[in-house]
């Protein structure tokens, strides 16, 4: 969303830096391993 909003107002020379920052953020987006269910499913009334 931030990339899309910013692109129309960016100069051509600034775009490569924005792209590099965009992809460099990938490491911060890694999720923690999913926890295994420790309790049974229940059907509520």
ModelCIF file with pLDDT and N, C-alpha, C, O atoms, coordinates in Angstrom:
data_MODEL
#
_entry.id   MODEL 
#
_entity.id                         1 
_entity.type                       polymer 
_entity.pdbx_number_of_molecules   1 
#
_entity_poly.entity_id                      1 
_entity_poly.type                           'polypeptide(L)' 
_entity_poly.nstd_linkage                   no 
_entity_poly.nstd_monomer                   no 
_entity_poly.pdbx_seq_one_letter_code       
;(UNK)(UNK)(UNK)(UNK)(UNK)(UNK)(UNK)(UNK)(UNK)(UNK)(UNK)(UNK)(UNK)(UNK)(UNK)(UNK)
(UNK)(UNK)(UNK)(UNK)(UNK)(UNK)(UNK)(UNK)(UNK)(UNK)(UNK)(UNK)(UNK)(UNK)(UNK)(UNK)
(UNK)(UNK)(UNK)(UNK)(UNK)(UNK)(UNK)(UNK)(UNK)(UNK)(UNK)(UNK)(UNK)
;
_entity_poly.pdbx_seq_one_letter_code_can   XXXXXXXXXXXXXXXXXXXXXXXXXXXXXXXXXXXXXXXXXXXXX 
_entity_poly.pdbx_strand_id                 A 
#
loop_
_entity_poly_seq.entity_id 
_entity_poly_seq.num 
_entity_poly_seq.mon_id 
_entity_poly_seq.hetero 
1 1  UNK n 
1 2  UNK n 
1 3  UNK n 
1 4  UNK n 
1 5  UNK n 
1 6  UNK n 
1 7  UNK n 
1 8  UNK n 
1 9  UNK n 
1 10 UNK n 
1 11 UNK n 
1 12 UNK n 
1 13 UNK n 
1 14 UNK n 
1 15 UNK n 
1 16 UNK n 
1 17 UNK n 
1 18 UNK n 
1 19 UNK n 
1 20 UNK n 
1 21 UNK n 
1 22 UNK n 
1 23 UNK n 
1 24 UNK n 
1 25 UNK n 
1 26 UNK n 
1 27 UNK n 
1 28 UNK n 
1 29 UNK n 
1 30 UNK n 
1 31 UNK n 
1 32 UNK n 
1 33 UNK n 
1 34 UNK n 
1 35 UNK n 
1 36 UNK n 
1 37 UNK n 
1 38 UNK n 
1 39 UNK n 
1 40 UNK n 
1 41 UNK n 
1 42 UNK n 
1 43 UNK n 
1 44 UNK n 
1 45 UNK n 
#
_struct_asym.id          A 
_struct_asym.entity_id   1 
#
loop_
_ma_qa_metric.id 
_ma_qa_metric.mode 
_ma_qa_metric.name 
_ma_qa_metric.software_group_id 
_ma_qa_metric.type 
1 global pLDDT . pLDDT 
2 local  pLDDT . pLDDT 
#
_ma_qa_metric_global.metric_id      1 
_ma_qa_metric_global.metric_value   69.40 
_ma_qa_metric_global.model_id       1 
_ma_qa_metric_global.ordinal_id     1 
#
loop_
_ma_qa_metric_local.label_asym_id 
_ma_qa_metric_local.label_comp_id 
_ma_qa_metric_local.label_seq_id 
_ma_qa_metric_local.metric_id 
_ma_qa_metric_local.metric_value 
_ma_qa_metric_local.model_id 
_ma_qa_metric_local.ordinal_id 
A UNK 1  2 81.00 1 1  
A UNK 2  2 79.00 1 2  
A UNK 3  2 76.00 1 3  
A UNK 4  2 72.00 1 4  
A UNK 5  2 69.00 1 5  
A UNK 6  2 68.00 1 6  
A UNK 7  2 63.00 1 7  
A UNK 8  2 59.00 1 8  
A UNK 9  2 59.00 1 9  
A UNK 10 2 61.00 1 10 
A UNK 11 2 63.00 1 11 
A UNK 12 2 59.00 1 12 
A UNK 13 2 63.00 1 13 
A UNK 14 2 66.00 1 14 
A UNK 15 2 63.00 1 15 
A UNK 16 2 66.00 1 16 
A UNK 17 2 71.00 1 17 
A UNK 18 2 71.00 1 18 
A UNK 19 2 71.00 1 19 
A UNK 20 2 74.00 1 20 
A UNK 21 2 77.00 1 21 
A UNK 22 2 76.00 1 22 
A UNK 23 2 77.00 1 23 
A UNK 24 2 79.00 1 24 
A UNK 25 2 82.00 1 25 
A UNK 26 2 83.00 1 26 
A UNK 27 2 86.00 1 27 
A UNK 28 2 86.00 1 28 
A UNK 29 2 87.00 1 29 
A UNK 30 2 88.00 1 30 
A UNK 31 2 85.00 1 31 
A UNK 32 2 81.00 1 32 
A UNK 33 2 75.00 1 33 
A UNK 34 2 63.00 1 34 
A UNK 35 2 60.00 1 35 
A UNK 36 2 56.00 1 36 
A UNK 37 2 51.00 1 37 
A UNK 38 2 49.00 1 38 
A UNK 39 2 49.00 1 39 
A UNK 40 2 57.00 1 40 
A UNK 41 2 59.00 1 41 
A UNK 42 2 63.00 1 42 
A UNK 43 2 64.00 1 43 
A UNK 44 2 67.00 1 44 
A UNK 45 2 69.00 1 45 
#
loop_
_atom_site.group_PDB 
_atom_site.id 
_atom_site.type_symbol 
_atom_site.label_atom_id 
_atom_site.label_alt_id 
_atom_site.label_comp_id 
_atom_site.label_asym_id 
_atom_site.label_entity_id 
_atom_site.label_seq_id 
_atom_site.pdbx_PDB_ins_code 
_atom_site.Cartn_x 
_atom_site.Cartn_y 
_atom_site.Cartn_z 
_atom_site.occupancy 
_atom_site.B_iso_or_equiv 
_atom_site.pdbx_formal_charge 
_atom_site.auth_seq_id 
_atom_site.auth_comp_id 
_atom_site.auth_asym_id 
_atom_site.auth_atom_id 
_atom_site.pdbx_PDB_model_num 
ATOM 1   N N  . UNK A 1 1  ? 0.826   -1.203  0.000   1.00 81.00 ? 1  UNK A N  1 
ATOM 2   C CA . UNK A 1 1  ? 0.000   0.000   0.000   1.00 81.00 ? 1  UNK A CA 1 
ATOM 3   C C  . UNK A 1 1  ? 0.864   1.259   0.000   1.00 81.00 ? 1  UNK A C  1 
ATOM 4   O O  . UNK A 1 1  ? 0.604   2.203   -0.745  1.00 81.00 ? 1  UNK A O  1 
ATOM 5   N N  . UNK A 1 2  ? 1.881   1.259   0.834   1.00 79.00 ? 2  UNK A N  1 
ATOM 6   C CA . UNK A 1 2  ? 2.780   2.420   0.882   1.00 79.00 ? 2  UNK A CA 1 
ATOM 7   C C  . UNK A 1 2  ? 3.514   2.607   -0.445  1.00 79.00 ? 2  UNK A C  1 
ATOM 8   O O  . UNK A 1 2  ? 3.727   3.732   -0.897  1.00 79.00 ? 2  UNK A O  1 
ATOM 9   N N  . UNK A 1 3  ? 3.897   1.488   -1.061  1.00 76.00 ? 3  UNK A N  1 
ATOM 10  C CA . UNK A 1 3  ? 4.592   1.564   -2.343  1.00 76.00 ? 3  UNK A CA 1 
ATOM 11  C C  . UNK A 1 3  ? 3.681   2.118   -3.434  1.00 76.00 ? 3  UNK A C  1 
ATOM 12  O O  . UNK A 1 3  ? 4.095   2.975   -4.215  1.00 76.00 ? 3  UNK A O  1 
ATOM 13  N N  . UNK A 1 4  ? 2.447   1.634   -3.489  1.00 72.00 ? 4  UNK A N  1 
ATOM 14  C CA . UNK A 1 4  ? 1.505   2.085   -4.507  1.00 72.00 ? 4  UNK A CA 1 
ATOM 15  C C  . UNK A 1 4  ? 1.189   3.568   -4.374  1.00 72.00 ? 4  UNK A C  1 
ATOM 16  O O  . UNK A 1 4  ? 1.125   4.285   -5.372  1.00 72.00 ? 4  UNK A O  1 
ATOM 17  N N  . UNK A 1 5  ? 0.993   4.028   -3.147  1.00 69.00 ? 5  UNK A N  1 
ATOM 18  C CA . UNK A 1 5  ? 0.662   5.436   -2.924  1.00 69.00 ? 5  UNK A CA 1 
ATOM 19  C C  . UNK A 1 5  ? 1.849   6.329   -3.268  1.00 69.00 ? 5  UNK A C  1 
ATOM 20  O O  . UNK A 1 5  ? 1.662   7.439   -3.767  1.00 69.00 ? 5  UNK A O  1 
ATOM 21  N N  . UNK A 1 6  ? 3.061   5.860   -3.008  1.00 68.00 ? 6  UNK A N  1 
ATOM 22  C CA . UNK A 1 6  ? 4.235   6.682   -3.218  1.00 68.00 ? 6  UNK A CA 1 
ATOM 23  C C  . UNK A 1 6  ? 4.741   6.739   -4.649  1.00 68.00 ? 6  UNK A C  1 
ATOM 24  O O  . UNK A 1 6  ? 5.353   7.732   -5.041  1.00 68.00 ? 6  UNK A O  1 
ATOM 25  N N  . UNK A 1 7  ? 4.499   5.693   -5.444  1.00 63.00 ? 7  UNK A N  1 
ATOM 26  C CA . UNK A 1 7  ? 5.042   5.638   -6.796  1.00 63.00 ? 7  UNK A CA 1 
ATOM 27  C C  . UNK A 1 7  ? 4.632   6.820   -7.686  1.00 63.00 ? 7  UNK A C  1 
ATOM 28  O O  . UNK A 1 7  ? 5.491   7.371   -8.375  1.00 63.00 ? 7  UNK A O  1 
ATOM 29  N N  . UNK A 1 8  ? 3.370   7.228   -7.700  1.00 59.00 ? 8  UNK A N  1 
ATOM 30  C CA . UNK A 1 8  ? 2.995   8.334   -8.591  1.00 59.00 ? 8  UNK A CA 1 
ATOM 31  C C  . UNK A 1 8  ? 3.723   9.632   -8.291  1.00 59.00 ? 8  UNK A C  1 
ATOM 32  O O  . UNK A 1 8  ? 3.833   10.487  -9.170  1.00 59.00 ? 8  UNK A O  1 
ATOM 33  N N  . UNK A 1 9  ? 4.220   9.801   -7.080  1.00 59.00 ? 9  UNK A N  1 
ATOM 34  C CA . UNK A 1 9  ? 4.842   11.053  -6.677  1.00 59.00 ? 9  UNK A CA 1 
ATOM 35  C C  . UNK A 1 9  ? 6.356   10.927  -6.541  1.00 59.00 ? 9  UNK A C  1 
ATOM 36  O O  . UNK A 1 9  ? 7.004   11.829  -6.010  1.00 59.00 ? 9  UNK A O  1 
ATOM 37  N N  . UNK A 1 10 ? 6.930   9.812   -7.016  1.00 61.00 ? 10 UNK A N  1 
ATOM 38  C CA . UNK A 1 10 ? 8.366   9.574   -6.922  1.00 61.00 ? 10 UNK A CA 1 
ATOM 39  C C  . UNK A 1 10 ? 9.062   9.992   -8.209  1.00 61.00 ? 10 UNK A C  1 
ATOM 40  O O  . UNK A 1 10 ? 8.496   9.894   -9.297  1.00 61.00 ? 10 UNK A O  1 
ATOM 41  N N  . UNK A 1 11 ? 10.285  10.453  -8.069  1.00 63.00 ? 11 UNK A N  1 
ATOM 42  C CA . UNK A 1 11 ? 11.104  10.733  -9.241  1.00 63.00 ? 11 UNK A CA 1 
ATOM 43  C C  . UNK A 1 11 ? 11.704  9.418   -9.742  1.00 63.00 ? 11 UNK A C  1 
ATOM 44  O O  . UNK A 1 11 ? 11.850  8.476   -8.963  1.00 63.00 ? 11 UNK A O  1 
ATOM 45  N N  . UNK A 1 12 ? 12.054  9.339   -11.036 1.00 59.00 ? 12 UNK A N  1 
ATOM 46  C CA . UNK A 1 12 ? 12.636  8.101   -11.551 1.00 59.00 ? 12 UNK A CA 1 
ATOM 47  C C  . UNK A 1 12 ? 13.877  7.646   -10.785 1.00 59.00 ? 12 UNK A C  1 
ATOM 48  O O  . UNK A 1 12 ? 14.085  6.447   -10.601 1.00 59.00 ? 12 UNK A O  1 
ATOM 49  N N  . UNK A 1 13 ? 14.702  8.593   -10.338 1.00 63.00 ? 13 UNK A N  1 
ATOM 50  C CA . UNK A 1 13 ? 15.914  8.216   -9.630  1.00 63.00 ? 13 UNK A CA 1 
ATOM 51  C C  . UNK A 1 13 ? 15.669  7.630   -8.252  1.00 63.00 ? 13 UNK A C  1 
ATOM 52  O O  . UNK A 1 13 ? 16.510  6.902   -7.725  1.00 63.00 ? 13 UNK A O  1 
ATOM 53  N N  . UNK A 1 14 ? 14.506  7.947   -7.657  1.00 66.00 ? 14 UNK A N  1 
ATOM 54  C CA . UNK A 1 14 ? 14.202  7.450   -6.305  1.00 66.00 ? 14 UNK A CA 1 
ATOM 55  C C  . UNK A 1 14 ? 13.581  6.066   -6.308  1.00 66.00 ? 14 UNK A C  1 
ATOM 56  O O  . UNK A 1 14 ? 13.571  5.402   -5.272  1.00 66.00 ? 14 UNK A O  1 
ATOM 57  N N  . UNK A 1 15 ? 13.061  5.608   -7.442  1.00 63.00 ? 15 UNK A N  1 
ATOM 58  C CA . UNK A 1 15 ? 12.333  4.341   -7.495  1.00 63.00 ? 15 UNK A CA 1 
ATOM 59  C C  . UNK A 1 15 ? 13.205  3.134   -7.155  1.00 63.00 ? 15 UNK A C  1 
ATOM 60  O O  . UNK A 1 15 ? 12.749  2.272   -6.404  1.00 63.00 ? 15 UNK A O  1 
ATOM 61  N N  . UNK A 1 16 ? 14.464  3.022   -7.679  1.00 66.00 ? 16 UNK A N  1 
ATOM 62  C CA . UNK A 1 16 ? 15.276  1.843   -7.303  1.00 66.00 ? 16 UNK A CA 1 
ATOM 63  C C  . UNK A 1 16 ? 15.476  1.695   -5.803  1.00 66.00 ? 16 UNK A C  1 
ATOM 64  O O  . UNK A 1 16 ? 15.430  0.580   -5.284  1.00 66.00 ? 16 UNK A O  1 
ATOM 65  N N  . UNK A 1 17 ? 15.699  2.813   -5.090  1.00 71.00 ? 17 UNK A N  1 
ATOM 66  C CA . UNK A 1 17 ? 15.865  2.744   -3.645  1.00 71.00 ? 17 UNK A CA 1 
ATOM 67  C C  . UNK A 1 17 ? 14.604  2.287   -2.941  1.00 71.00 ? 17 UNK A C  1 
ATOM 68  O O  . UNK A 1 17 ? 14.673  1.531   -1.972  1.00 71.00 ? 17 UNK A O  1 
ATOM 69  N N  . UNK A 1 18 ? 13.438  2.742   -3.422  1.00 71.00 ? 18 UNK A N  1 
ATOM 70  C CA . UNK A 1 18 ? 12.168  2.313   -2.849  1.00 71.00 ? 18 UNK A CA 1 
ATOM 71  C C  . UNK A 1 18 ? 11.943  0.820   -3.052  1.00 71.00 ? 18 UNK A C  1 
ATOM 72  O O  . UNK A 1 18 ? 11.454  0.132   -2.156  1.00 71.00 ? 18 UNK A O  1 
ATOM 73  N N  . UNK A 1 19 ? 12.303  0.320   -4.236  1.00 71.00 ? 19 UNK A N  1 
ATOM 74  C CA . UNK A 1 19 ? 12.164  -1.095  -4.515  1.00 71.00 ? 19 UNK A CA 1 
ATOM 75  C C  . UNK A 1 19 ? 13.073  -1.946  -3.633  1.00 71.00 ? 19 UNK A C  1 
ATOM 76  O O  . UNK A 1 19 ? 12.654  -2.976  -3.105  1.00 71.00 ? 19 UNK A O  1 
ATOM 77  N N  . UNK A 1 20 ? 14.317  -1.505  -3.479  1.00 74.00 ? 20 UNK A N  1 
ATOM 78  C CA . UNK A 1 20 ? 15.248  -2.262  -2.654  1.00 74.00 ? 20 UNK A CA 1 
ATOM 79  C C  . UNK A 1 20 ? 14.766  -2.326  -1.212  1.00 74.00 ? 20 UNK A C  1 
ATOM 80  O O  . UNK A 1 20 ? 14.835  -3.379  -0.577  1.00 74.00 ? 20 UNK A O  1 
ATOM 81  N N  . UNK A 1 21 ? 14.276  -1.196  -0.691  1.00 77.00 ? 21 UNK A N  1 
ATOM 82  C CA . UNK A 1 21 ? 13.736  -1.172  0.664   1.00 77.00 ? 21 UNK A CA 1 
ATOM 83  C C  . UNK A 1 21 ? 12.530  -2.099  0.768   1.00 77.00 ? 21 UNK A C  1 
ATOM 84  O O  . UNK A 1 21 ? 12.357  -2.790  1.771   1.00 77.00 ? 21 UNK A O  1 
ATOM 85  N N  . UNK A 1 22 ? 11.689  -2.111  -0.283  1.00 76.00 ? 22 UNK A N  1 
ATOM 86  C CA . UNK A 1 22 ? 10.493  -2.944  -0.299  1.00 76.00 ? 22 UNK A CA 1 
ATOM 87  C C  . UNK A 1 22 ? 10.856  -4.420  -0.134  1.00 76.00 ? 22 UNK A C  1 
ATOM 88  O O  . UNK A 1 22 ? 10.261  -5.118  0.687   1.00 76.00 ? 22 UNK A O  1 
ATOM 89  N N  . UNK A 1 23 ? 11.828  -4.893  -0.909  1.00 77.00 ? 23 UNK A N  1 
ATOM 90  C CA . UNK A 1 23 ? 12.198  -6.301  -0.830  1.00 77.00 ? 23 UNK A CA 1 
ATOM 91  C C  . UNK A 1 23 ? 13.045  -6.615  0.401   1.00 77.00 ? 23 UNK A C  1 
ATOM 92  O O  . UNK A 1 23 ? 12.995  -7.733  0.913   1.00 77.00 ? 23 UNK A O  1 
ATOM 93  N N  . UNK A 1 24 ? 13.825  -5.641  0.884   1.00 79.00 ? 24 UNK A N  1 
ATOM 94  C CA . UNK A 1 24 ? 14.627  -5.865  2.079   1.00 79.00 ? 24 UNK A CA 1 
ATOM 95  C C  . UNK A 1 24 ? 13.768  -6.066  3.322   1.00 79.00 ? 24 UNK A C  1 
ATOM 96  O O  . UNK A 1 24 ? 14.242  -6.607  4.321   1.00 79.00 ? 24 UNK A O  1 
ATOM 97  N N  . UNK A 1 25 ? 12.508  -5.634  3.270   1.00 82.00 ? 25 UNK A N  1 
ATOM 98  C CA . UNK A 1 25 ? 11.610  -5.794  4.412   1.00 82.00 ? 25 UNK A CA 1 
ATOM 99  C C  . UNK A 1 25 ? 11.116  -7.225  4.571   1.00 82.00 ? 25 UNK A C  1 
ATOM 100 O O  . UNK A 1 25 ? 10.450  -7.540  5.557   1.00 82.00 ? 25 UNK A O  1 
ATOM 101 N N  . UNK A 1 26 ? 11.433  -8.104  3.612   1.00 83.00 ? 26 UNK A N  1 
ATOM 102 C CA . UNK A 1 26 ? 10.910  -9.469  3.634   1.00 83.00 ? 26 UNK A CA 1 
ATOM 103 C C  . UNK A 1 26 ? 11.290  -10.205 4.916   1.00 83.00 ? 26 UNK A C  1 
ATOM 104 O O  . UNK A 1 26 ? 10.470  -10.941 5.464   1.00 83.00 ? 26 UNK A O  1 
ATOM 105 N N  . UNK A 1 27 ? 12.514  -10.022 5.402   1.00 86.00 ? 27 UNK A N  1 
ATOM 106 C CA . UNK A 1 27 ? 12.960  -10.735 6.593   1.00 86.00 ? 27 UNK A CA 1 
ATOM 107 C C  . UNK A 1 27 ? 12.132  -10.377 7.823   1.00 86.00 ? 27 UNK A C  1 
ATOM 108 O O  . UNK A 1 27 ? 11.898  -11.227 8.681   1.00 86.00 ? 27 UNK A O  1 
ATOM 109 N N  . UNK A 1 28 ? 11.690  -9.131  7.913   1.00 86.00 ? 28 UNK A N  1 
ATOM 110 C CA . UNK A 1 28 ? 10.889  -8.704  9.064   1.00 86.00 ? 28 UNK A CA 1 
ATOM 111 C C  . UNK A 1 28 ? 9.472   -9.244  9.024   1.00 86.00 ? 28 UNK A C  1 
ATOM 112 O O  . UNK A 1 28 ? 8.739   -9.124  10.006  1.00 86.00 ? 28 UNK A O  1 
ATOM 113 N N  . UNK A 1 29 ? 9.071   -9.838  7.905   1.00 87.00 ? 29 UNK A N  1 
ATOM 114 C CA . UNK A 1 29 ? 7.712   -10.345 7.738   1.00 87.00 ? 29 UNK A CA 1 
ATOM 115 C C  . UNK A 1 29 ? 7.590   -11.838 8.021   1.00 87.00 ? 29 UNK A C  1 
ATOM 116 O O  . UNK A 1 29 ? 6.497   -12.395 7.924   1.00 87.00 ? 29 UNK A O  1 
ATOM 117 N N  . UNK A 1 30 ? 8.698   -12.493 8.371   1.00 88.00 ? 30 UNK A N  1 
ATOM 118 C CA . UNK A 1 30 ? 8.657   -13.927 8.651   1.00 88.00 ? 30 UNK A CA 1 
ATOM 119 C C  . UNK A 1 30 ? 7.837   -14.181 9.917   1.00 88.00 ? 30 UNK A C  1 
ATOM 120 O O  . UNK A 1 30 ? 8.093   -13.583 10.963  1.00 88.00 ? 30 UNK A O  1 
ATOM 121 N N  . UNK A 1 31 ? 6.858   -15.067 9.811   1.00 85.00 ? 31 UNK A N  1 
ATOM 122 C CA . UNK A 1 31 ? 6.004   -15.397 10.941  1.00 85.00 ? 31 UNK A CA 1 
ATOM 123 C C  . UNK A 1 31 ? 6.662   -16.410 11.864  1.00 85.00 ? 31 UNK A C  1 
ATOM 124 O O  . UNK A 1 31 ? 7.504   -17.199 11.434  1.00 85.00 ? 31 UNK A O  1 
ATOM 125 N N  . UNK A 1 32 ? 6.276   -16.385 13.128  1.00 81.00 ? 32 UNK A N  1 
ATOM 126 C CA . UNK A 1 32 ? 6.723   -17.415 14.056  1.00 81.00 ? 32 UNK A CA 1 
ATOM 127 C C  . UNK A 1 32 ? 6.079   -18.750 13.678  1.00 81.00 ? 32 UNK A C  1 
ATOM 128 O O  . UNK A 1 32 ? 4.984   -18.767 13.117  1.00 81.00 ? 32 UNK A O  1 
ATOM 129 N N  . UNK A 1 33 ? 6.747   -19.872 13.979  1.00 75.00 ? 33 UNK A N  1 
ATOM 130 C CA . UNK A 1 33 ? 6.156   -21.181 13.660  1.00 75.00 ? 33 UNK A CA 1 
ATOM 131 C C  . UNK A 1 33 ? 4.780   -21.337 14.307  1.00 75.00 ? 33 UNK A C  1 
ATOM 132 O O  . UNK A 1 33 ? 4.562   -20.923 15.446  1.00 75.00 ? 33 UNK A O  1 
ATOM 133 N N  . UNK A 1 34 ? 3.866   -21.938 13.563  1.00 63.00 ? 34 UNK A N  1 
ATOM 134 C CA . UNK A 1 34 ? 2.511   -22.127 14.065  1.00 63.00 ? 34 UNK A CA 1 
ATOM 135 C C  . UNK A 1 34 ? 2.510   -23.105 15.238  1.00 63.00 ? 34 UNK A C  1 
ATOM 136 O O  . UNK A 1 34 ? 3.190   -24.131 15.214  1.00 63.00 ? 34 UNK A O  1 
ATOM 137 N N  . UNK A 1 35 ? 1.739   -22.767 16.250  1.00 60.00 ? 35 UNK A N  1 
ATOM 138 C CA . UNK A 1 35 ? 1.612   -23.625 17.412  1.00 60.00 ? 35 UNK A CA 1 
ATOM 139 C C  . UNK A 1 35 ? 0.665   -24.782 17.123  1.00 60.00 ? 35 UNK A C  1 
ATOM 140 O O  . UNK A 1 35 ? -0.332  -24.622 16.419  1.00 60.00 ? 35 UNK A O  1 
ATOM 141 N N  . UNK A 1 36 ? 0.982   -25.923 17.661  1.00 56.00 ? 36 UNK A N  1 
ATOM 142 C CA . UNK A 1 36 ? 0.083   -27.064 17.547  1.00 56.00 ? 36 UNK A CA 1 
ATOM 143 C C  . UNK A 1 36 ? -1.077  -26.908 18.523  1.00 56.00 ? 36 UNK A C  1 
ATOM 144 O O  . UNK A 1 36 ? -0.918  -26.361 19.614  1.00 56.00 ? 36 UNK A O  1 
ATOM 145 N N  . UNK A 1 37 ? -2.243  -27.395 18.117  1.00 51.00 ? 37 UNK A N  1 
ATOM 146 C CA . UNK A 1 37 ? -3.429  -27.275 18.948  1.00 51.00 ? 37 UNK A CA 1 
ATOM 147 C C  . UNK A 1 37 ? -3.270  -28.105 20.212  1.00 51.00 ? 37 UNK A C  1 
ATOM 148 O O  . UNK A 1 37 ? -3.024  -29.309 20.142  1.00 51.00 ? 37 UNK A O  1 
ATOM 149 N N  . UNK A 1 38 ? -3.410  -27.470 21.360  1.00 49.00 ? 38 UNK A N  1 
ATOM 150 C CA . UNK A 1 38 ? -3.250  -28.153 22.642  1.00 49.00 ? 38 UNK A CA 1 
ATOM 151 C C  . UNK A 1 38 ? -4.573  -28.493 23.299  1.00 49.00 ? 38 UNK A C  1 
ATOM 152 O O  . UNK A 1 38 ? -4.600  -28.997 24.421  1.00 49.00 ? 38 UNK A O  1 
ATOM 153 N N  . UNK A 1 39 ? -5.669  -28.222 22.608  1.00 49.00 ? 39 UNK A N  1 
ATOM 154 C CA . UNK A 1 39 ? -6.980  -28.517 23.165  1.00 49.00 ? 39 UNK A CA 1 
ATOM 155 C C  . UNK A 1 39 ? -7.903  -28.952 22.038  1.00 49.00 ? 39 UNK A C  1 
ATOM 156 O O  . UNK A 1 39 ? -7.747  -28.502 20.903  1.00 49.00 ? 39 UNK A O  1 
ATOM 157 N N  . UNK A 1 40 ? -8.863  -29.821 22.334  1.00 57.00 ? 40 UNK A N  1 
ATOM 158 C CA . UNK A 1 40 ? -9.747  -30.316 21.273  1.00 57.00 ? 40 UNK A CA 1 
ATOM 159 C C  . UNK A 1 40 ? -10.724 -29.249 20.804  1.00 57.00 ? 40 UNK A C  1 
ATOM 160 O O  . UNK A 1 40 ? -11.058 -28.316 21.534  1.00 57.00 ? 40 UNK A O  1 
ATOM 161 N N  . UNK A 1 41 ? -11.168 -29.414 19.575  1.00 59.00 ? 41 UNK A N  1 
ATOM 162 C CA . UNK A 1 41 ? -12.217 -28.548 19.062  1.00 59.00 ? 41 UNK A CA 1 
ATOM 163 C C  . UNK A 1 41 ? -13.527 -28.808 19.788  1.00 59.00 ? 41 UNK A C  1 
ATOM 164 O O  . UNK A 1 41 ? -13.833 -29.951 20.131  1.00 59.00 ? 41 UNK A O  1 
ATOM 165 N N  . UNK A 1 42 ? -14.281 -27.783 20.019  1.00 63.00 ? 42 UNK A N  1 
ATOM 166 C CA . UNK A 1 42 ? -15.585 -27.928 20.652  1.00 63.00 ? 42 UNK A CA 1 
ATOM 167 C C  . UNK A 1 42 ? -16.637 -27.228 19.802  1.00 63.00 ? 42 UNK A C  1 
ATOM 168 O O  . UNK A 1 42 ? -16.367 -26.208 19.167  1.00 63.00 ? 42 UNK A O  1 
ATOM 169 N N  . UNK A 1 43 ? -17.809 -27.779 19.801  1.00 64.00 ? 43 UNK A N  1 
ATOM 170 C CA . UNK A 1 43 ? -18.927 -27.173 19.092  1.00 64.00 ? 43 UNK A CA 1 
ATOM 171 C C  . UNK A 1 43 ? -19.813 -26.455 20.104  1.00 64.00 ? 43 UNK A C  1 
ATOM 172 O O  . UNK A 1 43 ? -20.414 -27.088 20.972  1.00 64.00 ? 43 UNK A O  1 
ATOM 173 N N  . UNK A 1 44 ? -19.888 -25.142 19.990  1.00 67.00 ? 44 UNK A N  1 
ATOM 174 C CA . UNK A 1 44 ? -20.682 -24.362 20.923  1.00 67.00 ? 44 UNK A CA 1 
ATOM 175 C C  . UNK A 1 44 ? -22.160 -24.376 20.520  1.00 67.00 ? 44 UNK A C  1 
ATOM 176 O O  . UNK A 1 44 ? -22.507 -24.449 19.341  1.00 67.00 ? 44 UNK A O  1 
ATOM 177 N N  . UNK A 1 45 ? -23.011 -24.304 21.542  1.00 69.00 ? 45 UNK A N  1 
ATOM 178 C CA . UNK A 1 45 ? -24.444 -24.241 21.277  1.00 69.00 ? 45 UNK A CA 1 
ATOM 179 C C  . UNK A 1 45 ? -24.796 -22.922 20.590  1.00 69.00 ? 45 UNK A C  1 
ATOM 180 O O  . UNK A 1 45 ? -25.963 -22.679 20.283  1.00 69.00 ? 45 UNK A O  1 
#
